């Protein structure tokens, strides 16, 4: 058996383990949540987001399903409600400040805030061997700047809890700083982004803006950026870095007001975003997000996970 086959065998075994874990119900002493616990899942009208919302609501939480398209979102919510699940819908476009403000006002008025935020909304325009940066502005603005805007808007609304509020960002291994493939060539920049003590929002923003400027003037290919899924990879690298930065900042909050923020890679999933070319089901892909949101002794923050295991950024 070759190296590739052994790796695939390990992946298949881990997915089987996760499927078994998903079928083990949480015991009473593990269930820190109730039907009054509010979880918001962005971009949850389909795919991984829909499955994250479905799994969370099946554990007895109240879930707010969101979508840019009101009609599509309402249909998704109704499909769960018909099954007796406690889900609400509200329109949300994470790149529209007015939409975020409207959503913030609504959730504050209706629920007094939220306990769990799953940032799943994102876009990708490349498939297979394609590597166009035609939509780089949209990808970076959605996957990084939109996610960041949502986090900033929701943090003041996260409700106090002895277990800590939870923020889970759906990112990707493609955004790893030091992966063997698809990393930034500039070693100095990688080191700056890796140093969490000196990491800043300004550095992350300027890195993304520099890339977008090079896309506009046609010099991005010589800029040392990842050469596969370039815009998507960079957007997720930025989201990963922002997760680490905010986890550091939020760690100073007093007990009872803690917010634990982590990110995870769902893998290559059979959804519309991958043109159904993935090798993992949405059910398995959603598991780690749900696990990070619900685990009762989850005081880890600023970490990156895949298949319930911590991995390096």
Protein backbone atom coordinates (compact mmCIF):
# COMPACT_ATOMS: atom_id res chain seq x y z
CA UNK A 1 0.00 0.00 0.00
CA UNK A 2 1.40 3.39 -1.04
CA UNK A 3 1.56 6.64 0.95
CA UNK A 4 -1.57 8.04 -0.69
CA UNK A 5 -3.56 4.90 -0.02
CA UNK A 6 -2.47 4.81 3.63
CA UNK A 7 -3.47 8.44 4.08
CA UNK A 8 -6.87 7.74 2.55
CA UNK A 9 -7.31 4.74 4.82
CA UNK A 10 -6.57 6.91 7.88
CA UNK A 11 -9.07 9.52 6.71
CA UNK A 12 -11.75 6.92 6.11
CA UNK A 13 -11.16 5.41 9.54
CA UNK A 14 -11.42 8.81 11.22
CA UNK A 15 -14.67 9.59 9.43
CA UNK A 16 -16.10 6.30 10.58
CA UNK A 17 -15.10 7.21 14.15
CA UNK A 18 -16.81 10.58 13.83
CA UNK A 19 -19.97 8.97 12.50
CA UNK A 20 -20.02 6.75 15.58
CA UNK A 21 -19.36 9.71 17.91
CA UNK A 22 -22.23 11.65 16.35
CA UNK A 23 -24.60 8.85 17.30
CA UNK A 24 -23.66 8.97 20.99
CA UNK A 25 -26.15 11.29 22.76
CA UNK A 26 -24.88 13.94 25.14
CA UNK A 27 -25.51 12.95 28.76
CA UNK A 28 -27.44 15.23 31.11
CA UNK A 29 -24.30 16.48 32.86
CA UNK A 30 -22.74 17.41 29.51
CA UNK A 31 -25.73 19.43 28.34
CA UNK A 32 -24.94 22.97 29.44
CA UNK A 33 -27.45 24.31 26.92
CA UNK A 34 -31.26 24.35 26.71
CA UNK A 35 -33.92 25.47 24.27
CA UNK A 36 -33.22 29.00 25.49
CA UNK A 37 -29.67 28.78 24.11
CA UNK A 38 -29.45 30.79 20.89
CA UNK A 39 -27.17 29.69 18.06
CA UNK A 40 -26.75 31.75 14.89
CA UNK A 41 -25.43 30.06 11.74
CA UNK A 42 -24.56 32.31 8.82
CA UNK A 43 -25.10 31.09 5.28
CA UNK A 44 -27.19 28.20 6.51
CA UNK A 45 -29.79 27.88 3.78
CA UNK A 46 -27.87 24.98 2.18
CA UNK A 47 -24.78 22.79 2.34
CA UNK A 48 -22.58 22.65 5.42
CA UNK A 49 -24.34 25.60 7.06
CA UNK A 50 -27.74 23.96 6.73
CA UNK A 51 -26.39 20.75 8.22
CA UNK A 52 -24.70 22.60 11.12
CA UNK A 53 -28.01 24.31 11.87
CA UNK A 54 -29.92 21.02 11.62
CA UNK A 55 -27.57 19.21 13.96
CA UNK A 56 -27.57 22.03 16.51
CA UNK A 57 -31.35 22.28 16.58
CA UNK A 58 -31.62 18.50 16.88
CA UNK A 59 -29.66 18.80 20.16
CA UNK A 60 -32.37 21.05 21.58
CA UNK A 61 -31.04 24.55 20.95
CA UNK A 62 -32.91 27.39 19.30
CA UNK A 63 -31.17 28.05 15.99
CA UNK A 64 -31.34 31.14 13.82
CA UNK A 65 -30.85 30.18 10.19
CA UNK A 66 -29.65 33.01 7.94
CA UNK A 67 -29.38 33.59 4.21
CA UNK A 68 -28.78 36.49 1.83
CA UNK A 69 -31.83 35.43 -0.16
CA UNK A 70 -34.98 35.73 1.93
CA UNK A 71 -37.09 33.29 -0.10
CA UNK A 72 -34.42 30.60 -0.12
CA UNK A 73 -33.77 31.05 3.60
CA UNK A 74 -37.44 30.87 4.49
CA UNK A 75 -37.82 27.64 2.51
CA UNK A 76 -34.81 26.12 4.31
CA UNK A 77 -36.21 27.09 7.72
CA UNK A 78 -39.66 25.79 6.87
CA UNK A 79 -38.20 22.41 5.87
CA UNK A 80 -36.82 22.09 9.42
CA UNK A 81 -39.91 23.52 11.11
CA UNK A 82 -42.08 20.94 9.35
CA UNK A 83 -40.03 18.32 11.14
CA UNK A 84 -40.77 19.92 14.50
CA UNK A 85 -37.37 21.59 14.87
CA UNK A 86 -37.04 24.89 16.72
CA UNK A 87 -35.50 27.11 14.05
CA UNK A 88 -36.03 30.77 13.15
CA UNK A 89 -35.03 32.59 9.98
CA UNK A 90 -33.69 36.09 9.44
CA UNK A 91 -32.18 37.61 6.32
CA UNK A 92 -28.47 38.38 6.62
CA UNK A 93 -25.86 39.48 4.11
CA UNK A 94 -22.50 39.64 5.89
CA UNK A 95 -21.00 42.06 3.35
CA UNK A 96 -23.83 44.57 3.84
CA UNK A 97 -23.40 46.75 6.96
CA UNK A 98 -27.10 47.66 6.93
CA UNK A 99 -28.08 43.99 6.87
CA UNK A 100 -25.77 43.20 9.79
CA UNK A 101 -27.16 46.14 11.75
CA UNK A 102 -30.74 45.05 11.07
CA UNK A 103 -29.93 41.51 12.15
CA UNK A 104 -28.17 42.74 15.31
CA UNK A 105 -31.18 44.86 16.29
CA UNK A 106 -33.55 41.96 15.67
CA UNK A 107 -31.67 39.34 17.66
CA UNK A 108 -31.13 41.74 20.55
CA UNK A 109 -34.83 42.61 20.66
CA UNK A 110 -36.11 39.06 20.19
CA UNK A 111 -33.65 37.07 22.31
CA UNK A 112 -31.56 39.59 24.19
CA UNK A 113 -28.47 38.32 22.37
CA UNK A 114 -26.93 35.01 21.38
CA UNK A 115 -24.76 32.25 22.85
CA UNK A 116 -23.20 30.62 19.81
CA UNK A 117 -22.10 32.07 16.47
CA UNK A 118 -21.08 29.82 13.58
CA UNK A 119 -19.52 31.87 10.76
CA UNK A 120 -20.15 29.62 7.79
CA UNK A 121 -21.15 32.09 5.04
CA UNK A 122 -18.57 32.14 2.27
CA UNK A 123 -18.02 32.01 -1.48
CA UNK A 124 -15.67 30.36 -3.96
CA UNK A 125 -15.61 30.67 -7.75
CA UNK A 126 -12.93 28.16 -8.70
CA UNK A 127 -13.45 24.48 -9.34
CA UNK A 128 -11.09 21.66 -10.17
CA UNK A 129 -7.86 23.01 -11.65
CA UNK A 130 -9.29 26.51 -12.24
CA UNK A 131 -7.45 29.38 -10.58
CA UNK A 132 -9.07 32.56 -11.80
CA UNK A 133 -8.91 35.68 -9.59
CA UNK A 134 -11.71 37.38 -11.50
CA UNK A 135 -13.87 37.42 -8.37
CA UNK A 136 -11.07 37.95 -5.85
CA UNK A 137 -12.65 41.13 -4.48
CA UNK A 138 -15.91 39.31 -3.73
CA UNK A 139 -14.12 36.32 -2.19
CA UNK A 140 -11.92 38.39 0.14
CA UNK A 141 -14.72 40.79 1.06
CA UNK A 142 -17.07 37.91 1.94
CA UNK A 143 -14.86 35.25 3.47
CA UNK A 144 -12.65 37.57 5.50
CA UNK A 145 -14.00 41.11 5.80
CA UNK A 146 -17.62 39.95 6.01
CA UNK A 147 -16.80 37.34 8.64
CA UNK A 148 -14.83 39.93 10.60
CA UNK A 149 -17.73 42.40 10.47
CA UNK A 150 -20.10 39.74 11.77
CA UNK A 151 -17.79 38.86 14.66
CA UNK A 152 -17.43 42.52 15.66
CA UNK A 153 -21.19 43.03 15.55
CA UNK A 154 -22.02 39.91 17.55
CA UNK A 155 -19.41 40.07 20.32
CA UNK A 156 -21.29 42.81 22.25
CA UNK A 157 -24.43 40.65 22.02
CA UNK A 158 -22.91 37.39 23.30
CA UNK A 159 -24.71 36.50 26.50
CA UNK A 160 -22.82 35.84 29.76
CA UNK A 161 -22.40 32.18 30.71
CA UNK A 162 -20.25 30.17 33.11
CA UNK A 163 -19.48 27.89 30.14
CA UNK A 164 -18.48 30.75 27.87
CA UNK A 165 -20.04 31.88 24.63
CA UNK A 166 -18.76 30.18 21.49
CA UNK A 167 -17.66 31.46 18.07
CA UNK A 168 -16.71 28.91 15.41
CA UNK A 169 -15.29 30.08 12.07
CA UNK A 170 -15.52 27.72 9.11
CA UNK A 171 -12.19 28.07 7.33
CA UNK A 172 -9.88 25.72 5.42
CA UNK A 173 -6.57 23.89 5.44
CA UNK A 174 -5.87 25.83 2.25
CA UNK A 175 -5.39 28.86 4.52
CA UNK A 176 -2.62 27.31 6.60
CA UNK A 177 0.46 29.49 7.02
CA UNK A 178 3.00 26.70 6.88
CA UNK A 179 1.35 23.95 4.97
CA UNK A 180 3.59 22.05 2.59
CA UNK A 181 1.51 23.24 -0.36
CA UNK A 182 -0.26 26.44 -1.27
CA UNK A 183 1.42 28.75 1.24
CA UNK A 184 2.62 32.34 0.95
CA UNK A 185 6.16 32.39 -0.45
CA UNK A 186 7.20 35.46 1.55
CA UNK A 187 8.83 33.94 4.64
CA UNK A 188 8.99 37.25 6.51
CA UNK A 189 5.26 37.84 6.01
CA UNK A 190 4.45 34.29 7.12
CA UNK A 191 6.48 34.81 10.29
CA UNK A 192 4.67 38.08 11.04
CA UNK A 193 1.29 36.43 10.58
CA UNK A 194 2.37 33.47 12.69
CA UNK A 195 3.50 35.52 15.72
CA UNK A 196 0.26 35.83 17.69
CA UNK A 197 1.79 38.24 20.21
CA UNK A 198 2.46 40.87 17.56
CA UNK A 199 -0.32 39.89 15.16
CA UNK A 200 -2.68 42.79 14.40
CA UNK A 201 -5.84 43.45 12.46
CA UNK A 202 -3.92 46.06 10.46
CA UNK A 203 -1.41 43.44 9.31
CA UNK A 204 -4.11 41.01 8.21
CA UNK A 205 -6.07 43.75 6.43
CA UNK A 206 -2.99 45.15 4.68
CA UNK A 207 -2.01 41.67 3.48
CA UNK A 208 -5.42 41.15 1.89
CA UNK A 209 -5.48 44.67 0.42
CA UNK A 210 -2.00 44.23 -1.04
CA UNK A 211 -3.15 41.07 -2.79
CA UNK A 212 -6.24 42.80 -4.16
CA UNK A 213 -4.15 45.72 -5.43
CA UNK A 214 -1.90 43.27 -7.27
CA UNK A 215 -4.94 41.56 -8.75
CA UNK A 216 -6.11 44.92 -10.10
CA UNK A 217 -2.75 45.81 -11.64
CA UNK A 218 -2.11 42.28 -12.94
CA UNK A 219 1.02 41.52 -10.88
CA UNK A 220 -0.43 39.00 -8.41
CA UNK A 221 1.18 35.94 -10.04
CA UNK A 222 4.65 37.26 -9.18
CA UNK A 223 3.59 38.33 -5.68
CA UNK A 224 4.38 35.03 -3.99
CA UNK A 225 0.74 34.22 -3.27
CA UNK A 226 -0.65 30.65 -3.24
CA UNK A 227 -0.94 29.31 -6.78
CA UNK A 228 -4.02 27.10 -6.23
CA UNK A 229 -7.41 28.52 -5.23
CA UNK A 230 -5.46 31.73 -4.62
CA UNK A 231 -8.20 34.12 -3.55
CA UNK A 232 -10.07 31.49 -1.53
CA UNK A 233 -6.88 30.31 0.20
CA UNK A 234 -5.92 33.86 1.17
CA UNK A 235 -9.40 34.66 2.43
CA UNK A 236 -9.27 31.63 4.72
CA UNK A 237 -5.70 32.41 5.80
CA UNK A 238 -6.97 35.82 6.90
CA UNK A 239 -9.94 34.28 8.73
CA UNK A 240 -7.60 31.85 10.50
CA UNK A 241 -5.27 34.67 11.54
CA UNK A 242 -8.19 36.78 12.77
CA UNK A 243 -9.42 33.84 14.84
CA UNK A 244 -6.05 33.66 16.61
CA UNK A 245 -5.94 37.43 17.10
CA UNK A 246 -9.44 37.71 18.56
CA UNK A 247 -8.96 34.67 20.79
CA UNK A 248 -5.95 36.44 22.31
CA UNK A 249 -7.90 39.67 22.81
CA UNK A 250 -10.98 37.91 24.21
CA UNK A 251 -8.90 35.87 26.67
CA UNK A 252 -8.78 38.91 28.98
CA UNK A 253 -12.51 38.86 29.58
CA UNK A 254 -13.58 37.99 33.16
CA UNK A 255 -15.07 34.63 34.13
CA UNK A 256 -18.71 34.39 33.20
CA UNK A 257 -18.14 36.63 30.16
CA UNK A 258 -15.62 34.48 28.32
CA UNK A 259 -15.94 33.98 24.58
CA UNK A 260 -14.11 30.98 23.10
CA UNK A 261 -13.26 31.38 19.42
CA UNK A 262 -11.88 28.62 17.22
CA UNK A 263 -11.84 27.72 13.55
CA UNK A 264 -12.03 24.46 11.66
CA UNK A 265 -11.67 22.93 8.23
CA UNK A 266 -14.72 20.88 7.17
CA UNK A 267 -12.77 19.17 4.38
CA UNK A 268 -13.62 18.76 0.71
CA UNK A 269 -17.37 18.41 0.92
CA UNK A 270 -20.04 17.40 -1.57
CA UNK A 271 -21.87 20.72 -1.84
CA UNK A 272 -22.73 23.31 -4.48
CA UNK A 273 -19.56 25.24 -3.54
CA UNK A 274 -17.40 22.33 -4.74
CA UNK A 275 -19.70 21.56 -7.69
CA UNK A 276 -20.52 18.33 -5.82
CA UNK A 277 -16.93 17.11 -6.36
CA UNK A 278 -16.06 16.62 -2.70
CA UNK A 279 -15.41 13.32 -0.96
CA UNK A 280 -17.14 14.03 2.36
CA UNK A 281 -20.81 14.34 3.23
CA UNK A 282 -22.20 17.55 4.78
CA UNK A 283 -23.28 15.48 7.81
CA UNK A 284 -19.69 14.51 8.64
CA UNK A 285 -18.30 17.91 7.61
CA UNK A 286 -20.64 19.73 10.02
CA UNK A 287 -19.68 17.59 13.00
CA UNK A 288 -16.60 19.49 14.19
CA UNK A 289 -18.44 22.82 14.18
CA UNK A 290 -21.23 21.34 16.29
CA UNK A 291 -18.72 19.67 18.60
CA UNK A 292 -16.81 22.94 19.15
CA UNK A 293 -20.08 24.73 19.82
CA UNK A 294 -21.38 22.22 22.36
CA UNK A 295 -18.48 20.51 24.13
CA UNK A 296 -19.02 21.15 27.83
CA UNK A 297 -15.41 21.62 28.88
CA UNK A 298 -14.39 23.71 25.90
CA UNK A 299 -11.99 26.27 27.30
CA UNK A 300 -9.60 26.02 24.37
CA UNK A 301 -9.55 29.14 22.20
CA UNK A 302 -7.63 30.38 19.19
CA UNK A 303 -7.08 26.88 17.78
CA UNK A 304 -7.59 25.22 14.41
CA UNK A 305 -9.38 21.88 14.12
CA UNK A 306 -10.23 19.23 11.57
CA UNK A 307 -12.28 16.12 12.33
CA UNK A 308 -12.33 16.99 16.07
CA UNK A 309 -8.53 17.14 16.19
CA UNK A 310 -6.35 20.20 16.62
CA UNK A 311 -4.04 20.89 13.68
CA UNK A 312 -1.36 23.50 13.07
CA UNK A 313 -2.21 26.80 11.41
